[in-house]
Protein backbone atom coordinates (compact mmCIF):
# COMPACT_ATOMS: atom_id res chain seq x y z
CA MET A 1 -161.39 34.86 -3.28
CA ALA A 2 -163.08 35.93 -6.28
CA ILE A 3 -161.32 35.94 -9.80
CA THR A 4 -163.69 37.44 -12.15
CA SER A 5 -164.78 41.03 -12.26
CA SER A 6 -168.19 39.94 -12.21
CA ALA A 7 -167.69 37.68 -9.09
CA LYS A 8 -165.69 40.81 -7.44
CA LYS A 9 -168.96 42.95 -8.14
CA ALA A 10 -171.30 40.54 -6.54
CA ILE A 11 -169.08 40.40 -3.50
CA ARG A 12 -169.33 44.53 -3.15
CA SER A 13 -173.15 44.58 -3.87
CA SER A 14 -173.68 41.48 -1.31
CA ALA A 15 -171.68 43.64 1.21
CA LYS A 16 -173.72 46.75 0.63
CA LYS A 17 -177.01 44.77 0.74
CA HIS A 18 -175.77 43.13 4.04
CA VAL A 19 -175.45 46.53 5.47
CA PHE A 20 -178.86 47.56 4.53
CA ASN A 21 -180.36 44.03 5.88
CA LEU A 22 -178.56 44.66 9.21
CA ARG A 23 -180.09 48.24 9.58
CA ARG A 24 -183.38 46.94 8.68
CA GLN A 25 -183.18 44.26 11.12
CA LYS A 26 -181.85 46.84 14.01
CA VAL A 27 -184.75 49.22 13.28
CA LEU A 28 -187.16 45.96 13.62
CA THR A 29 -185.92 44.89 17.22
CA ASP A 30 -185.65 48.48 18.41
CA THR A 31 -189.41 49.27 17.72
CA THR A 32 -190.69 46.22 18.96
CA LYS A 33 -188.49 46.29 22.02
CA SER A 34 -189.48 49.75 22.82
CA LEU A 35 -193.18 48.91 22.42
CA LEU A 36 -192.69 45.69 24.78
CA LYS A 37 -191.02 47.96 27.11
CA ALA A 38 -193.85 50.35 27.13
CA LEU A 39 -196.32 47.39 27.67
CA SER A 40 -194.31 46.05 30.69
CA LYS A 41 -194.31 49.67 32.18
CA LYS A 42 -198.26 49.22 32.03
CA ASP A 43 -198.03 52.12 29.51
CA VAL A 44 -200.79 51.06 27.22
CA SER A 45 -201.45 54.51 25.49
CA GLU A 46 -197.35 54.84 24.56
CA ALA A 47 -197.50 51.22 23.23
CA GLU A 48 -200.57 52.14 21.20
CA LYS A 49 -198.55 55.00 19.58
CA LEU A 50 -195.73 52.85 19.07
CA LEU A 51 -197.65 50.10 17.48
CA PRO A 52 -197.77 51.78 13.71
CA SER A 53 -194.14 52.41 13.68
CA ALA A 54 -193.50 48.84 14.66
CA TYR A 55 -195.97 47.68 11.81
CA LYS A 56 -194.09 50.13 9.39
CA ALA A 57 -190.66 48.20 10.33
CA ILE A 58 -192.13 44.80 10.31
CA ASP A 59 -193.59 45.37 6.80
CA LYS A 60 -190.37 46.99 5.44
CA ALA A 61 -188.18 44.13 6.58
CA MET A 62 -190.90 41.53 4.88
CA LYS A 63 -190.62 43.72 1.83
CA ARG A 64 -186.86 43.68 1.61
CA GLY A 65 -186.71 39.82 2.34
CA VAL A 66 -185.16 40.31 5.86
CA ILE A 67 -187.91 38.33 7.48
CA LYS A 68 -190.60 35.96 5.78
CA LYS A 69 -194.25 37.05 5.24
CA ASN A 70 -195.69 34.67 7.86
CA THR A 71 -192.99 35.77 10.47
CA ALA A 72 -193.97 39.31 9.76
CA ALA A 73 -197.94 38.40 10.32
CA ASN A 74 -196.90 36.23 13.35
CA LYS A 75 -195.02 39.34 14.98
CA LYS A 76 -197.89 41.92 13.97
CA SER A 77 -200.40 39.52 15.45
CA ARG A 78 -198.55 39.10 18.61
CA LEU A 79 -197.58 42.76 19.27
CA ALA A 80 -201.71 43.64 18.72
CA LEU A 81 -202.70 40.59 20.97
CA ALA A 82 -200.12 41.98 23.84
CA ILE A 83 -201.67 45.31 23.42
CA LYS A 84 -205.23 43.99 23.94
CA ARG A 85 -204.37 41.86 26.69
CA ALA A 86 -202.78 44.69 28.59
CA LYS A 87 -205.88 46.96 27.99
CA ALA A 88 -208.06 44.24 29.40
CA LYS A 89 -205.97 44.26 32.72
């Protein structure tokens, strides 16, 4: 257990940041899942509408350090590629 007041404050701030990071991660997974679900239903137009919100969630997660820069780029690339492949069919 923390003894000094600064260590106690660090624990409190860390807990608050943890909540924000979990929320950011949840938004990220929810938006990507909804986009992929639309693609699995062959609804390409709906997936295209969801793409900007997915990009936004990915960018915010990257900005806040929830995911790394290359991971964000990889996720965005794969979502765009999935939509491109679905259009081709």
